[in-house]
Amino acid sequence: MPFLIETWDKPDHGAVRQAHRPAHLAYLEKNQSLLLACGAKMDDGGTIPEGSFYIVDVEDRAAAERFIAADPFTQVGVPARMTITRWRLAFLDRRSYL
């Protein structure tokens, strides 16, 4: 079942995020079978990451919690906060699933 995970970066953690980005990307690659979508949330100029957005297809909320807890960004304290919300697919990649 899909869960939407949204994170908000701590202020002034851009250098920490950048230092751990390769490990984060490797983690996403390793877990790509769980990912319906993911990416960084950017400032309006498109240059500064401000958090992340993931839609993961996992068994339950506990699995979504384990997924985000194991992310290298989470492990080094990049997020100031995060939410996990059950999500229902309606449209994806310009396709209707209704």
PDB file of N, CA and C in Angstrom:
ATOM      1  N   MET A   1       0.840  -1.173   0.000  1.00  0.00           N
ATOM      2  CA  MET A   1       0.000   0.000   0.000  1.00  0.00           C
ATOM      3  C   MET A   1       0.885   1.237   0.000  1.00  0.00           C
ATOM      4  N   PRO A   2       0.516   2.247  -0.754  1.00  0.00           N
ATOM      5  CA  PRO A   2       1.365   3.433  -0.854  1.00  0.00           C
ATOM      6  C   PRO A   2       1.274   4.351   0.365  1.00  0.00           C
ATOM      7  N   PHE A   3       2.429   4.888   0.726  1.00  0.00           N
ATOM      8  CA  PHE A   3       2.535   5.906   1.764  1.00  0.00           C
ATOM      9  C   PHE A   3       3.334   7.069   1.205  1.00  0.00           C
ATOM     10  N   LEU A   4       2.884   8.268   1.519  1.00  0.00           N
ATOM     11  CA  LEU A   4       3.600   9.486   1.163  1.00  0.00           C
ATOM     12  C   LEU A   4       4.424   9.898   2.369  1.00  0.00           C
ATOM     13  N   ILE A   5       5.710  10.077   2.161  1.00  0.00           N
ATOM     14  CA  ILE A   5       6.610  10.539   3.218  1.00  0.00           C
ATOM     15  C   ILE A   5       7.133  11.905   2.778  1.00  0.00           C
ATOM     16  N   GLU A   6       6.934  12.905   3.618  1.00  0.00           N
ATOM     17  CA  GLU A   6       7.422  14.243   3.324  1.00  0.00           C
ATOM     18  C   GLU A   6       8.343  14.685   4.448  1.00  0.00           C
ATOM     19  N   THR A   7       9.503  15.226   4.072  1.00  0.00           N
ATOM     20  CA  THR A   7      10.452  15.717   5.062  1.00  0.00           C
ATOM     21  C   THR A   7      10.752  17.188   4.809  1.00  0.00           C
ATOM     22  N   TRP A   8      11.111  17.876   5.872  1.00  0.00           N
ATOM     23  CA  TRP A   8      11.537  19.276   5.827  1.00  0.00           C
ATOM     24  C   TRP A   8      12.930  19.343   6.429  1.00  0.00           C
ATOM     25  N   ASP A   9      13.877  19.884   5.668  1.00  0.00           N
ATOM     26  CA  ASP A   9      15.262  19.956   6.139  1.00  0.00           C
ATOM     27  C   ASP A   9      15.418  20.966   7.273  1.00  0.00           C
ATOM     28  N   LYS A  10      16.373  20.668   8.150  1.00  0.00           N
ATOM     29  CA  LYS A  10      16.770  21.641   9.165  1.00  0.00           C
ATOM     30  C   LYS A  10      17.425  22.827   8.455  1.00  0.00           C
ATOM     31  N   PRO A  11      17.195  24.034   8.966  1.00  0.00           N
ATOM     32  CA  PRO A  11      17.891  25.189   8.377  1.00  0.00           C
ATOM     33  C   PRO A  11      19.409  24.995   8.472  1.00  0.00           C
ATOM     34  N   ASP A  12      20.102  25.495   7.498  1.00  0.00           N
ATOM     35  CA  ASP A  12      21.566  25.470   7.484  1.00  0.00           C
ATOM     36  C   ASP A  12      22.149  24.054   7.478  1.00  0.00           C
ATOM     37  N   HIS A  13      21.418  23.088   6.927  1.00  0.00           N
ATOM     38  CA  HIS A  13      21.933  21.724   6.824  1.00  0.00           C
ATOM     39  C   HIS A  13      22.272  21.343   5.379  1.00  0.00           C
ATOM     40  N   GLY A  14      22.398  22.357   4.520  1.00  0.00           N
ATOM     41  CA  GLY A  14      22.722  22.090   3.119  1.00  0.00           C
ATOM     42  C   GLY A  14      24.033  21.354   2.936  1.00  0.00           C
ATOM     43  N   ALA A  15      25.042  21.717   3.726  1.00  0.00           N
ATOM     44  CA  ALA A  15      26.346  21.046   3.608  1.00  0.00           C
ATOM     45  C   ALA A  15      26.262  19.597   4.069  1.00  0.00           C
ATOM     46  N   VAL A  16      25.483  19.338   5.106  1.00  0.00           N
ATOM     47  CA  VAL A  16      25.297  17.962   5.588  1.00  0.00           C
ATOM     48  C   VAL A  16      24.576  17.147   4.522  1.00  0.00           C
ATOM     49  N   ARG A  17      23.526  17.731   3.955  1.00  0.00           N
ATOM     50  CA  ARG A  17      22.772  17.058   2.884  1.00  0.00           C
ATOM     51  C   ARG A  17      23.705  16.727   1.727  1.00  0.00           C
ATOM     52  N   GLN A  18      24.487  17.697   1.298  1.00  0.00           N
ATOM     53  CA  GLN A  18      25.376  17.492   0.147  1.00  0.00           C
ATOM     54  C   GLN A  18      26.432  16.429   0.446  1.00  0.00           C
ATOM     55  N   ALA A  19      26.970  16.424   1.646  1.00  0.00           N
ATOM     56  CA  ALA A  19      28.001  15.453   2.007  1.00  0.00           C
ATOM     57  C   ALA A  19      27.473  14.025   1.992  1.00  0.00           C
ATOM     58  N   HIS A  20      26.196  13.849   2.309  1.00  0.00           N
ATOM     59  CA  HIS A  20      25.622  12.513   2.405  1.00  0.00           C
ATOM     60  C   HIS A  20      24.739  12.153   1.209  1.00  0.00           C
ATOM     61  N   ARG A  21      24.721  13.017   0.220  1.00  0.00           N
ATOM     62  CA  ARG A  21      23.895  12.766  -0.969  1.00  0.00           C
ATOM     63  C   ARG A  21      24.280  11.478  -1.696  1.00  0.00           C
ATOM     64  N   PRO A  22      25.570  11.184  -1.917  1.00  0.00           N
ATOM     65  CA  PRO A  22      25.897   9.916  -2.598  1.00  0.00           C
ATOM     66  C   PRO A  22      25.347   8.688  -1.865  1.00  0.00           C
ATOM     67  N   ALA A  23      25.447   8.662  -0.536  1.00  0.00           N
ATOM     68  CA  ALA A  23      24.910   7.524   0.225  1.00  0.00           C
ATOM     69  C   ALA A  23      23.391   7.484   0.122  1.00  0.00           C
ATOM     70  N   HIS A  24      22.754   8.644   0.151  1.00  0.00           N
ATOM     71  CA  HIS A  24      21.296   8.730   0.016  1.00  0.00           C
ATOM     72  C   HIS A  24      20.857   8.191  -1.344  1.00  0.00           C
ATOM     73  N   LEU A  25      21.531   8.617  -2.411  1.00  0.00           N
ATOM     74  CA  LEU A  25      21.171   8.142  -3.747  1.00  0.00           C
ATOM     75  C   LEU A  25      21.408   6.643  -3.898  1.00  0.00           C
ATOM     76  N   ALA A  26      22.469   6.135  -3.301  1.00  0.00           N
ATOM     77  CA  ALA A  26      22.718   4.686  -3.335  1.00  0.00           C
ATOM     78  C   ALA A  26      21.613   3.938  -2.598  1.00  0.00           C
ATOM     79  N   TYR A  27      21.151   4.507  -1.490  1.00  0.00           N
ATOM     80  CA  TYR A  27      20.047   3.897  -0.730  1.00  0.00           C
ATOM     81  C   TYR A  27      18.775   3.857  -1.584  1.00  0.00           C
ATOM     82  N   LEU A  28      18.479   4.950  -2.274  1.00  0.00           N
ATOM     83  CA  LEU A  28      17.296   4.976  -3.144  1.00  0.00           C
ATOM     84  C   LEU A  28      17.426   3.958  -4.266  1.00  0.00           C
ATOM     85  N   GLU A  29      18.598   3.873  -4.866  1.00  0.00           N
ATOM     86  CA  GLU A  29      18.830   2.903  -5.941  1.00  0.00           C
ATOM     87  C   GLU A  29      18.619   1.477  -5.432  1.00  0.00           C
ATOM     88  N   LYS A  30      19.148   1.193  -4.254  1.00  0.00           N
ATOM     89  CA  LYS A  30      19.012  -0.137  -3.657  1.00  0.00           C
ATOM     90  C   LYS A  30      17.542  -0.476  -3.378  1.00  0.00           C
ATOM     91  N   ASN A  31      16.742   0.535  -3.090  1.00  0.00           N
ATOM     92  CA  ASN A  31      15.343   0.324  -2.721  1.00  0.00           C
ATOM     93  C   ASN A  31      14.359   0.788  -3.792  1.00  0.00           C
ATOM     94  N   GLN A  32      14.821   0.892  -5.028  1.00  0.00           N
ATOM     95  CA  GLN A  32      13.962   1.427  -6.080  1.00  0.00           C
ATOM     96  C   GLN A  32      12.691   0.610  -6.294  1.00  0.00           C
ATOM     97  N   SER A  33      12.687  -0.652  -5.931  1.00  0.00           N
ATOM     98  CA  SER A  33      11.477  -1.463  -6.099  1.00  0.00           C
ATOM     99  C   SER A  33      10.342  -0.990  -5.191  1.00  0.00           C
ATOM    100  N   LEU A  34      10.663  -0.226  -4.149  1.00  0.00           N
ATOM    101  CA  LEU A  34       9.649   0.308  -3.238  1.00  0.00           C
ATOM    102  C   LEU A  34       9.147   1.684  -3.655  1.00  0.00           C
ATOM    103  N   LEU A  35       9.870   2.349  -4.552  1.00  0.00           N
ATOM    104  CA  LEU A  35       9.599   3.746  -4.868  1.00  0.00           C
ATOM    105  C   LEU A  35       8.642   3.898  -6.041  1.00  0.00           C
ATOM    106  N   LEU A  36       7.518   4.556  -5.784  1.00  0.00           N
ATOM    107  CA  LEU A  36       6.638   4.963  -6.870  1.00  0.00           C
ATOM    108  C   LEU A  36       7.082   6.324  -7.403  1.00  0.00           C
ATOM    109  N   ALA A  37       7.588   7.159  -6.498  1.00  0.00           N
ATOM    110  CA  ALA A  37       8.110   8.479  -6.857  1.00  0.00           C
ATOM    111  C   ALA A  37       8.930   8.994  -5.689  1.00  0.00           C
ATOM    112  N   CYS A  38       9.886   9.855  -5.987  1.00  0.00           N
ATOM    113  CA  CYS A  38      10.626  10.537  -4.924  1.00  0.00           C
ATOM    114  C   CYS A  38      11.423  11.672  -5.531  1.00  0.00           C
ATOM    115  N   GLY A  39      11.834  12.588  -4.683  1.00  0.00           N
ATOM    116  CA  GLY A  39      12.669  13.688  -5.140  1.00  0.00           C
ATOM    117  C   GLY A  39      12.787  14.756  -4.080  1.00  0.00           C
ATOM    118  N   ALA A  40      13.704  15.676  -4.333  1.00  0.00           N
ATOM    119  CA  ALA A  40      13.927  16.792  -3.411  1.00  0.00           C
ATOM    120  C   ALA A  40      12.870  17.865  -3.637  1.00  0.00           C
ATOM    121  N   LYS A  41      12.473  18.516  -2.552  1.00  0.00           N
ATOM    122  CA  LYS A  41      11.635  19.710  -2.627  1.00  0.00           C
ATOM    123  C   LYS A  41      12.595  20.899  -2.698  1.00  0.00           C
ATOM    124  N   MET A  42      12.414  21.752  -3.685  1.00  0.00           N
ATOM    125  CA  MET A  42      13.358  22.834  -3.940  1.00  0.00           C
ATOM    126  C   MET A  42      12.739  24.195  -3.646  1.00  0.00           C
ATOM    127  N   ASP A  43      13.604  25.179  -3.405  1.00  0.00           N
ATOM    128  CA  ASP A  43      13.130  26.554  -3.265  1.00  0.00           C
ATOM    129  C   ASP A  43      12.579  27.018  -4.616  1.00  0.00           C
ATOM    130  N   ASP A  44      11.927  28.171  -4.640  1.00  0.00           N
ATOM    131  CA  ASP A  44      11.308  28.653  -5.876  1.00  0.00           C
ATOM    132  C   ASP A  44      12.309  28.866  -7.000  1.00  0.00           C
ATOM    133  N   GLY A  45      13.549  29.132  -6.664  1.00  0.00           N
ATOM    134  CA  GLY A  45      14.580  29.303  -7.683  1.00  0.00           C
ATOM    135  C   GLY A  45      15.098  27.986  -8.235  1.00  0.00           C
ATOM    136  N   GLY A  46      14.735  26.883  -7.586  1.00  0.00           N
ATOM    137  CA  GLY A  46      15.160  25.559  -8.042  1.00  0.00           C
ATOM    138  C   GLY A  46      16.604  25.227  -7.749  1.00  0.00           C
ATOM    139  N   THR A  47      17.216  25.925  -6.786  1.00  0.00           N
ATOM    140  CA  THR A  47      18.629  25.698  -6.520  1.00  0.00           C
ATOM    141  C   THR A  47      18.923  25.165  -5.122  1.00  0.00           C
ATOM    142  N   ILE A  48      18.015  25.355  -4.178  1.00  0.00           N
ATOM    143  CA  ILE A  48      18.286  24.966  -2.796  1.00  0.00           C
ATOM    144  C   ILE A  48      17.284  23.900  -2.352  1.00  0.00           C
ATOM    145  N   PRO A  49      17.761  22.687  -2.026  1.00  0.00           N
ATOM    146  CA  PRO A  49      16.867  21.666  -1.501  1.00  0.00           C
ATOM    147  C   PRO A  49      16.342  22.074  -0.125  1.00  0.00           C
ATOM    148  N   GLU A  50      15.053  21.830   0.087  1.00  0.00           N
ATOM    149  CA  GLU A  50      14.423  22.197   1.361  1.00  0.00           C
ATOM    150  C   GLU A  50      13.805  21.002   2.072  1.00  0.00           C
ATOM    151  N   GLY A  51      13.901  19.838   1.470  1.00  0.00           N
ATOM    152  CA  GLY A  51      13.311  18.629   2.042  1.00  0.00           C
ATOM    153  C   GLY A  51      13.164  17.589   0.952  1.00  0.00           C
ATOM    154  N   SER A  52      12.421  16.550   1.258  1.00  0.00           N
ATOM    155  CA  SER A  52      12.232  15.460   0.301  1.00  0.00           C
ATOM    156  C   SER A  52      10.792  14.985   0.311  1.00  0.00           C
ATOM    157  N   PHE A  53      10.460  14.264  -0.732  1.00  0.00           N
ATOM    158  CA  PHE A  53       9.118  13.746  -0.943  1.00  0.00           C
ATOM    159  C   PHE A  53       9.281  12.337  -1.503  1.00  0.00           C
ATOM    160  N   TYR A  54       8.656  11.373  -0.867  1.00  0.00           N
ATOM    161  CA  TYR A  54       8.736   9.979  -1.313  1.00  0.00           C
ATOM    162  C   TYR A  54       7.329   9.403  -1.354  1.00  0.00           C
ATOM    163  N   ILE A  55       7.031   8.606  -2.346  1.00  0.00           N
ATOM    164  CA  ILE A  55       5.844   7.759  -2.313  1.00  0.00           C
ATOM    165  C   ILE A  55       6.370   6.342  -2.404  1.00  0.00           C
ATOM    166  N   VAL A  56       6.182   5.600  -1.321  1.00  0.00           N
ATOM    167  CA  VAL A  56       6.710   4.241  -1.236  1.00  0.00           C
ATOM    168  C   VAL A  56       5.560   3.242  -1.215  1.00  0.00           C
ATOM    169  N   ASP A  57       5.767   2.116  -1.853  1.00  0.00           N
ATOM    170  CA  ASP A  57       4.775   1.041  -1.865  1.00  0.00           C
ATOM    171  C   ASP A  57       5.280  -0.057  -0.938  1.00  0.00           C
ATOM    172  N   VAL A  58       4.768  -0.049   0.285  1.00  0.00           N
ATOM    173  CA  VAL A  58       5.214  -0.975   1.327  1.00  0.00           C
ATOM    174  C   VAL A  58       3.998  -1.630   1.987  1.00  0.00           C
ATOM    175  N   GLU A  59       4.240  -2.611   2.826  1.00  0.00           N
ATOM    176  CA  GLU A  59       3.161  -3.378   3.450  1.00  0.00           C
ATOM    177  C   GLU A  59       2.297  -2.563   4.408  1.00  0.00           C
ATOM    178  N   ASP A  60       2.935  -1.697   5.209  1.00  0.00           N
ATOM    179  CA  ASP A  60       2.189  -0.981   6.242  1.00  0.00           C
ATOM    180  C   ASP A  60       2.996   0.229   6.717  1.00  0.00           C
ATOM    181  N   ARG A  61       2.412   0.992   7.634  1.00  0.00           N
ATOM    182  CA  ARG A  61       3.071   2.189   8.163  1.00  0.00           C
ATOM    183  C   ARG A  61       4.425   1.853   8.792  1.00  0.00           C
ATOM    184  N   ALA A  62       4.511   0.743   9.490  1.00  0.00           N
ATOM    185  CA  ALA A  62       5.776   0.358  10.129  1.00  0.00           C
ATOM    186  C   ALA A  62       6.876   0.203   9.085  1.00  0.00           C
ATOM    187  N   ALA A  63       6.541  -0.358   7.930  1.00  0.00           N
ATOM    188  CA  ALA A  63       7.535  -0.507   6.861  1.00  0.00           C
ATOM    189  C   ALA A  63       7.940   0.856   6.296  1.00  0.00           C
ATOM    190  N   ALA A  64       6.998   1.778   6.179  1.00  0.00           N
ATOM    191  CA  ALA A  64       7.325   3.142   5.734  1.00  0.00           C
ATOM    192  C   ALA A  64       8.243   3.820   6.743  1.00  0.00           C
ATOM    193  N   GLU A  65       7.972   3.614   8.023  1.00  0.00           N
ATOM    194  CA  GLU A  65       8.826   4.181   9.078  1.00  0.00           C
ATOM    195  C   GLU A  65      10.229   3.598   9.019  1.00  0.00           C
ATOM    196  N   ARG A  66      10.334   2.291   8.779  1.00  0.00           N
ATOM    197  CA  ARG A  66      11.651   1.660   8.658  1.00  0.00           C
ATOM    198  C   ARG A  66      12.403   2.191   7.438  1.00  0.00           C
ATOM    199  N   PHE A  67      11.672   2.371   6.335  1.00  0.00           N
ATOM    200  CA  PHE A  67      12.295   2.887   5.117  1.00  0.00           C
ATOM    201  C   PHE A  67      12.933   4.250   5.367  1.00  0.00           C
ATOM    202  N   ILE A  68      12.184   5.174   5.929  1.00  0.00           N
ATOM    203  CA  ILE A  68      12.719   6.526   6.105  1.00  0.00           C
ATOM    204  C   ILE A  68      13.777   6.563   7.214  1.00  0.00           C
ATOM    205  N   ALA A  69      13.636   5.722   8.216  1.00  0.00           N
ATOM    206  CA  ALA A  69      14.639   5.684   9.293  1.00  0.00           C
ATOM    207  C   ALA A  69      15.991   5.206   8.780  1.00  0.00           C
ATOM    208  N   ALA A  70      15.992   4.346   7.770  1.00  0.00           N
ATOM    209  CA  ALA A  70      17.240   3.806   7.229  1.00  0.00           C
ATOM    210  C   ALA A  70      17.877   4.714   6.175  1.00  0.00           C
ATOM    211  N   ASP A  71      17.167   5.741   5.741  1.00  0.00           N
ATOM    212  CA  ASP A  71      17.714   6.676   4.755  1.00  0.00           C
ATOM    213  C   ASP A  71      18.907   7.407   5.371  1.00  0.00           C
ATOM    214  N   PRO A  72      20.043   7.473   4.667  1.00  0.00           N
ATOM    215  CA  PRO A  72      21.205   8.176   5.209  1.00  0.00           C
ATOM    216  C   PRO A  72      20.923   9.626   5.612  1.00  0.00           C
ATOM    217  N   PHE A  73      20.044  10.322   4.904  1.00  0.00           N
ATOM    218  CA  PHE A  73      19.696  11.684   5.316  1.00  0.00           C
ATOM    219  C   PHE A  73      19.079  11.691   6.714  1.00  0.00           C
ATOM    220  N   THR A  74      18.200  10.754   6.984  1.00  0.00           N
ATOM    221  CA  THR A  74      17.578  10.675   8.309  1.00  0.00           C
ATOM    222  C   THR A  74      18.630  10.321   9.353  1.00  0.00           C
ATOM    223  N   GLN A  75      19.492   9.389   9.035  1.00  0.00           N
ATOM    224  CA  GLN A  75      20.483   8.921  10.000  1.00  0.00           C
ATOM    225  C   GLN A  75      21.473  10.008  10.412  1.00  0.00           C
ATOM    226  N   VAL A  76      21.720  10.992   9.537  1.00  0.00           N
ATOM    227  CA  VAL A  76      22.640  12.079   9.903  1.00  0.00           C
ATOM    228  C   VAL A  76      21.903  13.337  10.348  1.00  0.00           C
ATOM    229  N   GLY A  77      20.569  13.250  10.475  1.00  0.00           N
ATOM    230  CA  GLY A  77      19.811  14.356  11.048  1.00  0.00           C
ATOM    231  C   GLY A  77      19.466  15.495  10.114  1.00  0.00           C
ATOM    232  N   VAL A  78      19.366  15.237   8.817  1.00  0.00           N
ATOM    233  CA  VAL A  78      18.991  16.306   7.892  1.00  0.00           C
ATOM    234  C   VAL A  78      17.553  16.791   8.132  1.00  0.00           C
ATOM    235  N   PRO A  79      16.570  15.895   8.292  1.00  0.00           N
ATOM    236  CA  PRO A  79      15.196  16.391   8.458  1.00  0.00           C
ATOM    237  C   PRO A  79      14.945  17.025   9.832  1.00  0.00           C
ATOM    238  N   ALA A  80      14.277  18.176   9.800  1.00  0.00           N
ATOM    239  CA  ALA A  80      13.799  18.799  11.031  1.00  0.00           C
ATOM    240  C   ALA A  80      12.513  18.111  11.470  1.00  0.00           C
ATOM    241  N   ARG A  81      11.731  17.710  10.469  1.00  0.00           N
ATOM    242  CA  ARG A  81      10.483  16.990  10.754  1.00  0.00           C
ATOM    243  C   ARG A  81      10.077  16.204   9.529  1.00  0.00           C
ATOM    244  N   MET A  82       9.142  15.277   9.733  1.00  0.00           N
ATOM    245  CA  MET A  82       8.627  14.486   8.625  1.00  0.00           C
ATOM    246  C   MET A  82       7.214  14.025   8.945  1.00  0.00           C
ATOM    247  N   THR A  83       6.467  13.725   7.890  1.00  0.00           N
ATOM    248  CA  THR A  83       5.141  13.138   8.039  1.00  0.00           C
ATOM    249  C   THR A  83       5.073  11.885   7.179  1.00  0.00           C
ATOM    250  N   ILE A  84       4.261  10.948   7.621  1.00  0.00           N
ATOM    251  CA  ILE A  84       3.984   9.733   6.857  1.00  0.00           C
ATOM    252  C   ILE A  84       2.470   9.617   6.776  1.00  0.00           C
ATOM    253  N   THR A  85       1.954   9.565   5.543  1.00  0.00           N
ATOM    254  CA  THR A  85       0.516   9.568   5.313  1.00  0.00           C
ATOM    255  C   THR A  85       0.160   8.482   4.317  1.00  0.00           C
ATOM    256  N   ARG A  86      -0.866   7.705   4.644  1.00  0.00           N
ATOM    257  CA  ARG A  86      -1.350   6.714   3.669  1.00  0.00           C
ATOM    258  C   ARG A  86      -1.851   7.466   2.445  1.00  0.00           C
ATOM    259  N   TRP A  87      -1.575   6.938   1.269  1.00  0.00           N
ATOM    260  CA  TRP A  87      -1.867   7.633   0.016  1.00  0.00           C
ATOM    261  C   TRP A  87      -2.655   6.721  -0.908  1.00  0.00           C
ATOM    262  N   ARG A  88      -3.626   7.303  -1.616  1.00  0.00           N
ATOM    263  CA  ARG A  88      -4.399   6.537  -2.601  1.00  0.00           C
ATOM    264  C   ARG A  88      -4.074   7.065  -3.988  1.00  0.00           C
ATOM    265  N   LEU A  89      -3.652   6.184  -4.850  1.00  0.00           N
ATOM    266  CA  LEU A  89      -3.277   6.534  -6.212  1.00  0.00           C
ATOM    267  C   LEU A  89      -4.511   6.893  -7.024  1.00  0.00           C
ATOM    268  N   ALA A  90      -4.480   8.052  -7.653  1.00  0.00           N
ATOM    269  CA  ALA A  90      -5.538   8.466  -8.569  1.00  0.00           C
ATOM    270  C   ALA A  90      -4.947   8.714  -9.964  1.00  0.00           C
ATOM    271  N   PHE A  91      -3.894   9.522 -10.028  1.00  0.00           N
ATOM    272  CA  PHE A  91      -3.198   9.795 -11.285  1.00  0.00           C
ATOM    273  C   PHE A  91      -1.705   9.718 -11.035  1.00  0.00           C
ATOM    274  N   LEU A  92      -0.984   9.167 -12.001  1.00  0.00           N
ATOM    275  CA  LEU A  92       0.476   9.111 -11.923  1.00  0.00           C
ATOM    276  C   LEU A  92       0.999   9.087 -13.355  1.00  0.00           C
ATOM    277  N   ASP A  93       2.012   9.896 -13.590  1.00  0.00           N
ATOM    278  CA  ASP A  93       2.644   9.953 -14.898  1.00  0.00           C
ATOM    279  C   ASP A  93       1.605  10.173 -16.004  1.00  0.00           C
ATOM    280  N   ARG A  94       0.673  11.070 -15.723  1.00  0.00           N
ATOM    281  CA  ARG A  94      -0.393  11.462 -16.663  1.00  0.00           C
ATOM    282  C   ARG A  94      -1.360  10.332 -16.993  1.00  0.00           C
ATOM    283  N   ARG A  95      -1.379   9.298 -16.141  1.00  0.00           N
ATOM    284  CA  ARG A  95      -2.303   8.178 -16.339  1.00  0.00           C
ATOM    285  C   ARG A  95      -3.286   8.115 -15.185  1.00  0.00           C
ATOM    286  N   SER A  96      -4.515   7.797 -15.503  1.00  0.00           N
ATOM    287  CA  SER A  96      -5.549   7.652 -14.482  1.00  0.00           C
ATOM    288  C   SER A  96      -5.576   6.220 -13.972  1.00  0.00           C
ATOM    289  N   TYR A  97      -5.703   6.103 -12.655  1.00  0.00           N
ATOM    290  CA  TYR A  97      -5.844   4.800 -12.007  1.00  0.00           C
ATOM    291  C   TYR A  97      -7.185   4.705 -11.302  1.00  0.00           C
ATOM    292  N   LEU A  98      -8.103   5.597 -11.675  1.00  0.00           N
ATOM    293  CA  LEU A  98      -9.426   5.624 -11.039  1.00  0.00           C
ATOM    294  C   LEU A  98     -10.320   4.528 -11.576  1.00  0.00           C
TER     295      LEU A  98
END
